[in-house]
N, C-alpha and C. Protein backbone atom coordinates (compact mmCIF):
# COMPACT_ATOMS: atom_id res chain seq x y z
N MET A 1 0.97 -1.32 -0.26
CA MET A 1 -0.04 -0.06 0.02
C MET A 1 1.17 1.25 0.13
N THR A 2 0.44 1.85 -0.83
CA THR A 2 1.09 3.52 -0.39
C THR A 2 0.80 4.63 -0.11
N ARG A 3 1.35 5.69 0.01
CA ARG A 3 0.69 6.91 1.03
C ARG A 3 0.09 7.78 0.35
N ALA A 4 -1.12 8.91 0.39
CA ALA A 4 -0.94 9.68 -0.11
C ALA A 4 -1.90 10.97 0.64
N VAL A 5 -1.62 11.98 -0.12
CA VAL A 5 -1.87 13.43 0.36
C VAL A 5 -2.78 13.84 -0.09
N PHE A 6 -3.69 14.40 0.42
CA PHE A 6 -4.86 14.87 -0.55
C PHE A 6 -5.33 16.04 -0.28
N LEU A 7 -5.57 16.67 -0.96
CA LEU A 7 -5.51 18.32 -1.33
C LEU A 7 -7.17 18.71 -1.31
N ASP A 8 -7.54 19.59 -0.54
CA ASP A 8 -8.89 20.44 -1.10
C ASP A 8 -8.13 20.84 -2.53
N ARG A 9 -8.87 22.43 -3.14
CA ARG A 9 -8.41 22.59 -4.39
C ARG A 9 -8.29 24.16 -4.04
N ASP A 10 -9.20 24.87 -3.65
CA ASP A 10 -10.03 26.06 -3.49
C ASP A 10 -9.20 26.69 -2.32
N GLY A 11 -8.09 27.56 -1.78
CA GLY A 11 -8.03 27.98 -0.91
C GLY A 11 -6.27 27.42 -0.61
N VAL A 12 -6.11 25.86 -1.00
CA VAL A 12 -4.77 25.16 -1.08
C VAL A 12 -3.67 25.03 -1.85
N ILE A 13 -4.18 25.27 -3.21
CA ILE A 13 -3.94 24.99 -4.67
C ILE A 13 -3.94 26.21 -5.17
N ASN A 14 -4.81 27.00 -5.58
CA ASN A 14 -4.91 27.93 -6.26
C ASN A 14 -6.01 29.22 -5.11
N ARG A 15 -6.17 30.24 -5.26
CA ARG A 15 -6.48 31.38 -4.35
C ARG A 15 -8.31 31.09 -4.28
N ALA A 16 -8.96 31.24 -2.94
CA ALA A 16 -10.51 31.18 -2.60
C ALA A 16 -10.80 32.32 -2.84
N VAL A 17 -12.22 32.59 -3.49
CA VAL A 17 -12.32 33.88 -3.65
C VAL A 17 -13.30 34.15 -2.78
N ILE A 18 -13.27 35.17 -1.88
CA ILE A 18 -13.56 35.55 -0.59
C ILE A 18 -14.57 36.50 -0.68
N ARG A 19 -15.96 36.26 -0.39
CA ARG A 19 -17.34 37.04 -0.15
C ARG A 19 -17.56 36.83 1.00
N ASP A 20 -17.81 37.93 2.00
CA ASP A 20 -18.74 38.38 3.07
C ASP A 20 -18.18 37.32 4.01
N GLY A 21 -16.37 37.48 4.23
CA GLY A 21 -15.42 36.01 4.82
C GLY A 21 -15.40 34.69 4.93
N ARG A 22 -16.29 34.45 3.30
CA ARG A 22 -16.47 32.68 3.33
C ARG A 22 -15.40 32.78 2.23
N PRO A 23 -15.09 31.73 1.74
CA PRO A 23 -14.75 31.21 0.71
C PRO A 23 -15.31 30.59 -0.17
N TYR A 24 -15.22 30.63 -1.38
CA TYR A 24 -15.52 30.05 -2.94
C TYR A 24 -14.62 29.79 -4.02
N SER A 25 -14.99 29.03 -4.72
CA SER A 25 -14.33 28.56 -6.11
C SER A 25 -14.25 29.59 -7.22
N PRO A 26 -13.36 29.94 -7.88
CA PRO A 26 -13.25 30.70 -8.74
C PRO A 26 -14.22 30.24 -9.80
N THR A 27 -15.18 31.25 -10.54
CA THR A 27 -16.43 31.35 -11.48
C THR A 27 -15.84 30.97 -12.88
N ALA A 28 -14.49 31.80 -12.56
CA ALA A 28 -13.82 31.59 -14.62
C ALA A 28 -12.15 30.82 -14.70
N LEU A 29 -12.03 30.29 -15.31
CA LEU A 29 -10.91 29.83 -15.46
C LEU A 29 -9.65 31.49 -15.31
N GLU A 30 -9.71 32.56 -15.79
CA GLU A 30 -9.50 33.66 -15.66
C GLU A 30 -9.20 33.78 -14.30
N GLU A 31 -10.48 33.87 -13.24
CA GLU A 31 -9.76 33.92 -11.96
C GLU A 31 -9.13 32.92 -11.41
N VAL A 32 -8.40 32.13 -11.94
CA VAL A 32 -7.97 31.25 -11.17
C VAL A 32 -6.40 31.69 -10.89
N GLU A 33 -5.75 31.83 -9.67
CA GLU A 33 -4.72 32.14 -9.09
C GLU A 33 -3.90 31.14 -8.43
N TRP A 34 -3.07 30.65 -8.90
CA TRP A 34 -2.36 29.48 -8.43
C TRP A 34 -1.49 30.07 -7.06
N LEU A 35 -1.58 29.80 -5.85
CA LEU A 35 -0.62 29.91 -4.51
C LEU A 35 0.48 29.97 -4.71
N PRO A 36 1.53 30.86 -4.17
CA PRO A 36 2.55 30.75 -4.16
C PRO A 36 3.71 29.29 -3.43
N GLY A 37 4.35 28.69 -3.95
CA GLY A 37 4.79 27.18 -3.75
C GLY A 37 3.68 26.14 -3.79
N ALA A 38 2.71 26.61 -4.57
CA ALA A 38 1.98 24.81 -4.05
C ALA A 38 2.44 24.21 -5.45
N ARG A 39 3.23 24.23 -5.92
CA ARG A 39 3.59 23.44 -7.34
C ARG A 39 4.92 22.89 -6.33
N ASP A 40 5.95 23.76 -6.37
CA ASP A 40 7.09 23.21 -5.87
C ASP A 40 6.74 22.31 -4.25
N ALA A 41 5.33 22.38 -3.86
CA ALA A 41 5.23 21.71 -2.43
C ALA A 41 4.54 20.26 -3.04
N ILE A 42 3.94 20.67 -4.05
CA ILE A 42 3.40 18.87 -4.43
C ILE A 42 4.72 18.22 -5.52
N GLY A 43 5.45 19.20 -6.17
CA GLY A 43 6.62 18.28 -6.33
C GLY A 43 7.34 17.34 -4.97
N LEU A 44 7.62 18.17 -4.47
CA LEU A 44 8.42 17.70 -3.04
C LEU A 44 7.19 16.45 -2.43
N LEU A 45 6.15 16.51 -2.16
CA LEU A 45 5.21 15.34 -2.00
C LEU A 45 5.70 14.27 -2.97
N ARG A 46 5.77 14.17 -3.91
CA ARG A 46 5.51 13.27 -4.83
C ARG A 46 6.56 12.81 -5.17
N ASP A 47 7.79 13.50 -5.02
CA ASP A 47 9.24 12.98 -4.75
C ASP A 47 9.20 11.98 -3.77
N ALA A 48 8.61 12.84 -2.60
CA ALA A 48 8.87 11.43 -1.14
C ALA A 48 8.25 10.35 -0.95
N GLY A 49 7.26 10.35 -2.30
CA GLY A 49 6.67 8.83 -2.48
C GLY A 49 5.19 9.14 -2.32
N TYR A 50 4.72 9.93 -2.20
CA TYR A 50 3.13 10.35 -2.01
C TYR A 50 2.53 10.27 -2.89
N ARG A 51 1.17 9.49 -3.54
CA ARG A 51 0.42 10.04 -4.41
C ARG A 51 -0.27 11.56 -4.02
N VAL A 52 -0.67 12.35 -5.11
CA VAL A 52 -1.21 13.58 -4.80
C VAL A 52 -2.30 13.42 -5.30
N ILE A 53 -3.86 13.24 -4.58
CA ILE A 53 -4.92 13.71 -4.82
C ILE A 53 -5.74 14.86 -4.73
N VAL A 54 -6.01 15.54 -5.37
CA VAL A 54 -7.36 16.56 -5.13
C VAL A 54 -8.60 15.77 -4.95
N VAL A 55 -8.96 16.41 -3.79
CA VAL A 55 -10.78 16.28 -3.74
C VAL A 55 -11.47 17.52 -3.43
N THR A 56 -12.22 17.51 -4.37
CA THR A 56 -12.93 18.95 -4.05
C THR A 56 -14.69 19.45 -4.37
N ASN A 57 -14.96 19.80 -3.56
CA ASN A 57 -16.30 20.14 -3.92
C ASN A 57 -16.69 21.20 -4.68
N GLN A 58 -17.58 21.18 -5.67
CA GLN A 58 -17.85 22.21 -6.47
C GLN A 58 -19.15 22.27 -6.41
N PRO A 59 -20.40 22.63 -5.56
CA PRO A 59 -21.79 22.55 -5.33
C PRO A 59 -22.16 23.12 -6.41
N ASP A 60 -21.65 24.24 -6.90
CA ASP A 60 -22.22 25.79 -7.66
C ASP A 60 -22.75 24.91 -8.77
N VAL A 61 -22.32 24.24 -9.47
CA VAL A 61 -22.54 23.34 -10.83
C VAL A 61 -23.76 22.75 -10.06
N ARG A 62 -24.01 22.12 -9.39
CA ARG A 62 -25.70 21.27 -8.95
C ARG A 62 -26.71 22.49 -8.96
N MET A 63 -26.04 23.57 -8.36
CA MET A 63 -26.71 25.12 -8.18
C MET A 63 -26.71 25.68 -9.06
N GLY A 64 -26.92 25.61 -10.55
CA GLY A 64 -26.76 25.95 -11.32
C GLY A 64 -26.40 27.24 -11.71
N LEU A 65 -25.15 27.94 -10.86
CA LEU A 65 -24.32 28.76 -10.78
C LEU A 65 -22.81 28.75 -11.77
N GLN A 66 -22.57 27.43 -11.90
CA GLN A 66 -21.61 27.32 -12.80
C GLN A 66 -21.39 26.18 -13.65
N PRO A 67 -21.27 26.21 -14.86
CA PRO A 67 -21.01 25.08 -15.78
C PRO A 67 -20.05 24.32 -15.60
N GLN A 68 -20.09 23.12 -15.54
CA GLN A 68 -19.63 22.13 -15.60
C GLN A 68 -18.39 22.32 -16.17
N GLU A 69 -18.26 22.16 -17.26
CA GLU A 69 -17.25 22.89 -18.24
C GLU A 69 -16.57 23.36 -17.65
N VAL A 70 -16.99 25.04 -16.58
CA VAL A 70 -16.02 25.50 -16.24
C VAL A 70 -14.58 24.65 -15.32
N VAL A 71 -15.28 24.12 -14.45
CA VAL A 71 -14.38 23.15 -13.33
C VAL A 71 -13.65 22.07 -14.22
N GLU A 72 -14.05 21.70 -15.11
CA GLU A 72 -13.07 20.74 -16.00
C GLU A 72 -12.05 21.60 -16.82
N ALA A 73 -12.42 22.65 -16.99
CA ALA A 73 -11.25 23.84 -17.70
C ALA A 73 -9.86 23.80 -16.47
N ILE A 74 -10.58 24.34 -15.43
CA ILE A 74 -9.46 24.63 -14.39
C ILE A 74 -8.78 23.05 -14.07
N HIS A 75 -9.62 22.18 -13.83
CA HIS A 75 -8.91 21.52 -13.59
C HIS A 75 -8.05 20.55 -14.76
N ARG A 76 -8.01 20.94 -16.45
CA ARG A 76 -7.09 20.61 -17.03
C ARG A 76 -5.84 21.94 -16.98
N ARG A 77 -6.20 23.03 -16.68
CA ARG A 77 -5.52 24.33 -16.32
C ARG A 77 -3.95 23.55 -15.00
N LEU A 78 -4.96 23.02 -14.21
CA LEU A 78 -4.13 22.44 -13.20
C LEU A 78 -2.99 21.50 -13.49
N ARG A 79 -3.63 20.31 -13.99
CA ARG A 79 -2.74 19.28 -14.79
C ARG A 79 -1.81 19.40 -15.34
N GLU A 80 -2.05 20.92 -15.81
CA GLU A 80 -1.10 21.21 -17.03
C GLU A 80 0.35 22.21 -16.09
N VAL A 81 -0.06 22.56 -14.91
CA VAL A 81 0.63 23.42 -13.85
C VAL A 81 1.27 22.88 -13.07
N VAL A 82 0.58 21.33 -12.36
CA VAL A 82 1.05 20.97 -11.41
C VAL A 82 0.65 19.22 -11.29
N ALA A 83 1.72 18.76 -11.54
CA ALA A 83 1.97 17.21 -11.51
C ALA A 83 0.64 16.84 -9.98
N VAL A 84 -0.62 16.31 -10.71
CA VAL A 84 -1.07 15.63 -9.83
C VAL A 84 -1.22 14.19 -10.06
N ASP A 85 -2.14 13.29 -9.15
CA ASP A 85 -2.27 12.09 -9.64
C ASP A 85 -3.39 11.47 -10.52
N ASP A 86 -4.02 12.66 -9.24
CA ASP A 86 -5.54 12.08 -9.82
C ASP A 86 -6.60 13.70 -8.82
N ILE A 87 -7.84 13.92 -9.67
CA ILE A 87 -8.30 15.08 -9.06
C ILE A 87 -10.11 13.93 -8.82
N ARG A 88 -10.27 14.30 -8.03
CA ARG A 88 -11.76 14.05 -7.53
C ARG A 88 -12.81 15.29 -7.12
N VAL A 89 -14.14 15.02 -7.89
CA VAL A 89 -14.92 15.98 -8.05
C VAL A 89 -16.14 15.72 -7.21
N CYS A 90 -16.91 16.32 -5.82
CA CYS A 90 -18.06 16.21 -5.72
C CYS A 90 -19.07 17.30 -6.08
N TYR A 91 -19.99 17.27 -7.17
CA TYR A 91 -20.93 18.34 -7.69
C TYR A 91 -22.32 18.73 -6.70
N HIS A 92 -22.32 17.33 -6.03
CA HIS A 92 -23.61 17.43 -4.89
C HIS A 92 -23.27 18.82 -3.70
N ILE A 93 -25.12 19.06 -3.52
CA ILE A 93 -25.29 19.89 -1.96
C ILE A 93 -25.02 19.20 -1.24
N ASP A 94 -25.22 19.45 0.30
CA ASP A 94 -25.33 18.54 1.21
C ASP A 94 -26.94 17.83 1.27
N GLU A 95 -28.00 18.58 0.65
CA GLU A 95 -29.34 18.26 0.99
C GLU A 95 -28.78 16.76 -0.19
N ASP A 96 -28.04 16.46 -0.91
CA ASP A 96 -28.63 15.53 -1.87
C ASP A 96 -28.61 13.84 -1.02
N GLY A 97 -27.53 14.20 -0.16
CA GLY A 97 -27.44 13.30 0.94
C GLY A 97 -26.23 12.16 0.22
N CYS A 98 -25.16 12.54 -0.48
CA CYS A 98 -24.87 11.60 -1.00
C CYS A 98 -23.37 11.50 -0.51
N LEU A 99 -22.51 10.40 -0.73
CA LEU A 99 -21.35 9.92 0.12
C LEU A 99 -20.13 10.17 0.05
N CYS A 100 -19.98 11.04 -0.99
CA CYS A 100 -18.87 12.12 -1.56
C CYS A 100 -18.33 13.20 -1.11
N ARG A 101 -19.63 13.99 -1.12
CA ARG A 101 -19.05 15.72 -0.94
C ARG A 101 -18.98 15.62 0.84
N LYS A 102 -17.62 16.24 1.04
CA LYS A 102 -16.79 16.98 2.20
C LYS A 102 -18.04 17.34 3.27
N PRO A 103 -18.28 17.22 4.62
CA PRO A 103 -17.20 16.61 5.01
C PRO A 103 -17.34 14.99 5.72
N LYS A 104 -18.10 14.05 4.55
CA LYS A 104 -18.07 13.04 4.32
C LYS A 104 -16.91 12.44 3.74
N PRO A 105 -16.27 10.87 4.22
CA PRO A 105 -15.05 10.66 3.45
C PRO A 105 -15.13 10.13 1.92
N GLY A 106 -16.19 10.07 1.69
CA GLY A 106 -16.71 9.11 0.55
C GLY A 106 -15.18 9.24 -0.94
N MET A 107 -15.10 10.62 -1.22
CA MET A 107 -13.80 10.95 -2.49
C MET A 107 -12.39 10.30 -1.67
N LEU A 108 -12.59 10.57 -0.66
CA LEU A 108 -10.68 9.88 -0.23
C LEU A 108 -10.85 8.41 0.03
N VAL A 109 -11.94 7.75 0.17
CA VAL A 109 -12.23 6.24 0.57
C VAL A 109 -12.47 5.52 -1.19
N ASP A 110 -12.77 6.15 -1.93
CA ASP A 110 -12.85 5.51 -3.07
C ASP A 110 -11.91 5.49 -4.15
N ALA A 111 -10.64 7.32 -4.02
CA ALA A 111 -9.28 6.98 -4.30
C ALA A 111 -8.52 6.50 -3.51
N ALA A 112 -8.31 6.12 -2.44
CA ALA A 112 -7.54 4.80 -1.68
C ALA A 112 -7.73 3.80 -2.37
N ARG A 113 -8.82 3.05 -2.46
CA ARG A 113 -9.23 1.64 -3.18
C ARG A 113 -8.68 1.78 -4.37
N GLU A 114 -9.14 2.61 -4.98
CA GLU A 114 -8.29 2.70 -6.83
C GLU A 114 -6.92 2.55 -6.40
N TRP A 115 -6.35 3.71 -5.85
CA TRP A 115 -4.98 3.54 -5.90
C TRP A 115 -4.34 2.74 -5.12
N GLY A 116 -4.68 2.51 -4.16
CA GLY A 116 -4.29 1.28 -3.58
C GLY A 116 -3.30 2.10 -2.15
N VAL A 117 -3.85 2.89 -1.66
CA VAL A 117 -3.70 3.61 -0.24
C VAL A 117 -4.01 3.58 0.64
N ASP A 118 -3.17 3.47 1.92
CA ASP A 118 -3.26 3.06 3.33
C ASP A 118 -3.81 4.69 3.88
N LEU A 119 -4.65 4.61 4.21
CA LEU A 119 -5.53 5.78 4.51
C LEU A 119 -4.75 6.51 6.11
N THR A 120 -4.47 4.88 6.80
CA THR A 120 -4.00 5.87 7.98
C THR A 120 -2.51 6.20 8.06
N GLU A 121 -1.82 6.03 6.76
CA GLU A 121 -0.83 6.68 6.68
C GLU A 121 -0.77 7.85 5.69
N SER A 122 -1.70 8.32 5.62
CA SER A 122 -1.97 9.73 4.17
C SER A 122 -2.77 10.64 4.78
N VAL A 123 -2.78 12.00 4.54
CA VAL A 123 -2.97 13.18 5.06
C VAL A 123 -4.06 13.96 4.22
N MET A 124 -4.90 14.51 5.30
CA MET A 124 -5.93 15.60 4.21
C MET A 124 -5.34 16.86 4.44
N VAL A 125 -4.86 17.51 3.25
CA VAL A 125 -4.58 18.90 3.77
C VAL A 125 -6.29 19.89 3.01
N GLY A 126 -6.70 20.67 3.99
CA GLY A 126 -7.69 21.97 3.61
C GLY A 126 -7.31 22.90 4.42
N ASP A 127 -8.17 23.81 3.91
CA ASP A 127 -8.90 25.31 4.32
C ASP A 127 -9.92 25.38 4.77
N ARG A 128 -11.01 24.28 5.01
CA ARG A 128 -12.26 24.61 5.85
C ARG A 128 -12.50 23.34 6.67
N TRP A 129 -13.76 23.61 7.25
CA TRP A 129 -13.88 22.40 8.28
C TRP A 129 -14.02 20.95 7.90
N ARG A 130 -14.54 21.40 6.67
CA ARG A 130 -15.01 20.48 5.70
C ARG A 130 -14.03 19.28 5.09
N ASP A 131 -12.98 20.23 5.44
CA ASP A 131 -12.01 18.90 4.90
C ASP A 131 -11.14 18.28 5.88
N ILE A 132 -11.14 19.02 6.94
CA ILE A 132 -10.52 18.13 8.14
C ILE A 132 -11.61 17.05 8.73
N GLU A 133 -12.46 17.47 8.26
CA GLU A 133 -13.52 16.38 9.03
C GLU A 133 -13.69 15.23 8.14
N ALA A 134 -13.52 15.20 6.98
CA ALA A 134 -13.19 14.60 6.11
C ALA A 134 -11.77 13.45 6.35
N GLY A 135 -11.18 14.39 6.15
CA GLY A 135 -9.95 13.73 6.33
C GLY A 135 -9.53 13.04 7.97
N LYS A 136 -10.44 12.56 8.79
CA LYS A 136 -10.63 12.34 9.87
C LYS A 136 -11.46 11.10 10.22
N ALA A 137 -12.41 11.69 9.16
CA ALA A 137 -13.38 10.22 9.12
C ALA A 137 -13.06 9.11 8.31
N ALA A 138 -12.32 9.86 7.34
CA ALA A 138 -11.19 8.72 6.64
C ALA A 138 -9.79 8.22 7.35
N GLY A 139 -9.70 8.64 8.17
CA GLY A 139 -8.80 7.67 9.46
C GLY A 139 -7.23 8.54 8.85
N CYS A 140 -7.46 9.54 7.97
CA CYS A 140 -5.91 10.45 7.95
C CYS A 140 -5.55 11.58 9.06
N LYS A 141 -4.45 11.82 8.66
CA LYS A 141 -3.81 12.93 9.84
C LYS A 141 -4.28 13.86 8.90
N THR A 142 -4.34 15.15 9.80
CA THR A 142 -5.00 16.31 9.09
C THR A 142 -4.14 17.68 8.96
N VAL A 143 -4.42 18.52 8.34
CA VAL A 143 -3.42 19.67 8.40
C VAL A 143 -4.47 20.93 8.21
N LEU A 144 -4.86 21.76 8.51
CA LEU A 144 -5.60 22.71 8.73
C LEU A 144 -4.75 23.89 8.00
N ILE A 145 -4.78 24.85 6.56
CA ILE A 145 -3.91 25.74 5.76
C ILE A 145 -5.14 26.76 6.60
N TRP A 146 -4.68 27.95 7.77
CA TRP A 146 -5.93 28.91 7.86
C TRP A 146 -6.34 29.86 6.96
N GLY A 147 -7.16 30.34 6.95
CA GLY A 147 -7.76 31.22 5.94
C GLY A 147 -8.52 32.11 7.14
N GLY A 148 -8.85 31.86 7.82
CA GLY A 148 -9.30 33.09 8.72
C GLY A 148 -11.16 32.96 8.40
N TYR A 149 -11.55 32.22 7.84
CA TYR A 149 -12.59 32.35 7.18
C TYR A 149 -13.92 32.12 8.58
N LEU A 150 -15.03 33.37 7.78
CA LEU A 150 -16.06 33.37 9.21
C LEU A 150 -17.24 32.19 8.96
N GLU A 151 -16.70 31.07 9.55
CA GLU A 151 -17.29 29.95 9.39
C GLU A 151 -17.36 28.87 10.36
N ARG A 152 -17.64 27.88 10.55
CA ARG A 152 -17.42 27.16 11.51
C ARG A 152 -15.85 26.22 11.37
N GLU A 153 -15.76 26.45 13.46
CA GLU A 153 -14.34 26.04 13.25
C GLU A 153 -14.09 24.54 12.74
N PRO A 154 -12.95 24.11 11.83
CA PRO A 154 -13.01 22.57 12.20
C PRO A 154 -12.83 21.55 13.44
N LEU A 155 -13.34 20.76 13.21
CA LEU A 155 -12.23 19.63 14.86
C LEU A 155 -10.90 19.87 15.16
N GLN A 156 -10.62 19.63 15.84
CA GLN A 156 -8.76 19.68 16.00
C GLN A 156 -7.79 18.95 15.08
N PRO A 157 -8.02 19.60 13.58
CA PRO A 157 -6.54 19.08 13.11
C PRO A 157 -5.55 18.87 13.59
N ASP A 158 -4.89 18.06 13.03
CA ASP A 158 -3.52 17.84 13.78
C ASP A 158 -2.39 18.76 13.13
N ALA A 159 -2.24 19.71 12.67
CA ALA A 159 -1.63 20.82 12.56
C ALA A 159 -2.22 21.95 11.94
N VAL A 160 -1.66 23.25 12.08
CA VAL A 160 -2.26 24.22 11.59
C VAL A 160 -1.20 25.03 11.11
N VAL A 161 -1.13 25.24 9.71
CA VAL A 161 -0.14 26.07 9.17
C VAL A 161 -0.79 27.04 7.90
N GLN A 162 0.25 28.20 7.44
CA GLN A 162 -0.33 29.16 6.63
C GLN A 162 -0.15 29.07 5.47
N SER A 163 0.11 27.41 4.50
CA SER A 163 0.09 27.75 2.94
C SER A 163 0.32 25.56 2.89
N LEU A 164 0.46 25.64 1.92
CA LEU A 164 0.65 24.48 1.11
C LEU A 164 2.37 24.13 1.15
N SER A 165 2.64 24.90 1.49
CA SER A 165 4.24 25.15 1.10
C SER A 165 4.68 24.35 2.99
N GLU A 166 3.96 25.68 3.94
CA GLU A 166 4.20 24.67 5.43
C GLU A 166 3.48 23.57 5.76
N ALA A 167 2.71 22.75 4.92
CA ALA A 167 1.80 21.75 5.03
C ALA A 167 3.24 20.40 4.60
N ALA A 168 3.52 20.76 3.37
CA ALA A 168 4.61 19.76 3.05
C ALA A 168 5.93 19.63 3.66
N ALA A 169 6.17 20.71 4.09
CA ALA A 169 7.52 20.98 5.12
C ALA A 169 7.02 20.12 6.41
N LEU A 170 6.17 20.34 7.41
CA LEU A 170 5.72 19.60 8.16
C LEU A 170 5.23 17.68 7.81
N ILE A 171 4.76 17.78 6.60
CA ILE A 171 4.66 16.40 6.48
C ILE A 171 5.98 15.68 6.32
N LEU A 172 6.50 16.43 5.51
CA LEU A 172 8.06 15.24 4.79
C LEU A 172 8.94 15.32 6.13
N SER A 173 8.60 16.14 7.08
CA SER A 173 9.49 16.43 8.25
C SER A 173 9.23 15.09 9.72
N GLN A 174 7.90 15.52 10.17
CA GLN A 174 7.35 14.89 11.01
C GLN A 174 6.65 13.50 10.67
N TRP A 175 6.06 13.80 9.38
CA TRP A 175 5.34 11.98 9.40
C TRP A 175 5.87 11.26 7.96
N ALA A 176 6.32 11.32 7.47
CA ALA A 176 7.04 10.58 6.60
C ALA A 176 8.28 9.60 7.00
N PRO A 177 7.62 8.87 6.72
CA PRO A 177 8.61 7.61 6.83
C PRO A 177 10.01 7.31 6.39
N SER A 178 11.02 7.16 7.50
CA SER A 178 12.69 7.09 6.96
C SER A 178 12.57 6.46 6.05
N PRO A 179 13.49 6.62 4.78
CA PRO A 179 14.33 5.95 4.03
C PRO A 179 15.23 4.83 4.22
N TYR A 180 15.34 4.86 5.46
CA TYR A 180 16.37 3.86 6.12
C TYR A 180 15.68 3.29 6.53
N PRO A 181 15.94 1.58 6.55
CA PRO A 181 15.51 0.46 7.48
C PRO A 181 15.44 0.74 8.83
N ARG A 182 14.57 0.45 9.61
CA ARG A 182 14.67 0.55 10.90
C ARG A 182 16.00 -0.83 11.80
N ARG A 183 16.79 0.16 12.59
CA ARG A 183 17.88 -0.83 13.23
C ARG A 183 17.10 -1.80 14.28
N ARG A 184 17.16 -3.35 14.48
CA ARG A 184 16.71 -4.16 15.29
C ARG A 184 17.08 -3.81 16.52
N SER A 185 16.38 -4.04 17.71
CA SER A 185 17.06 -3.51 18.80
C SER A 185 17.40 -4.69 19.72
N ASP A 186 17.65 -6.02 19.31
CA ASP A 186 17.76 -7.04 19.73
C ASP A 186 19.20 -7.20 19.72
N GLY A 187 19.89 -6.23 19.02
CA GLY A 187 21.49 -6.22 19.22
C GLY A 187 22.17 -6.85 17.97
N GLY A 188 21.19 -7.32 17.24
CA GLY A 188 21.71 -8.18 15.60
C GLY A 188 22.20 -7.24 14.99
N ASP A 189 22.91 -7.44 13.54
CA ASP A 189 23.05 -7.11 12.92
C ASP A 189 21.93 -6.38 11.17
């Protein structure tokens, strides 16, 4: 089994659009602004052997506020700019009762099954309570990128940082297994 870092998209890889203190997705490809250091952070995680899988709620499509083609165009551009292994999208709203919309862990669980990922050795990085609760429900460690949004606080993330670069540094320094085999404690060679 392999390890993964699951990333929310808006507010983690690209800048979220803030309205009335709450984060929203860009509504057009021209609005997408990649966050400084995100590309390098993702490269470092992949170089360390992590699968990098984007898991994003995009309910504006279901609500008729954004065409699905715009979301798909943003994801095509994201794949051109950043080497991610997979992008999972939930277009539902809470009232649909699906299993994929964060805070439910469906996107993480399905991706883990497909990619052979050990969720207990994986990390969910996001900027909202939904991301942290989805990660916890899936059995992952969780890292909150603090956005200061005017919304519900997440349940105790394992760590709080200011950027994806800081999250990657934390993951690689504290949670990545050593590339060296463990020494035997019985005095053997």
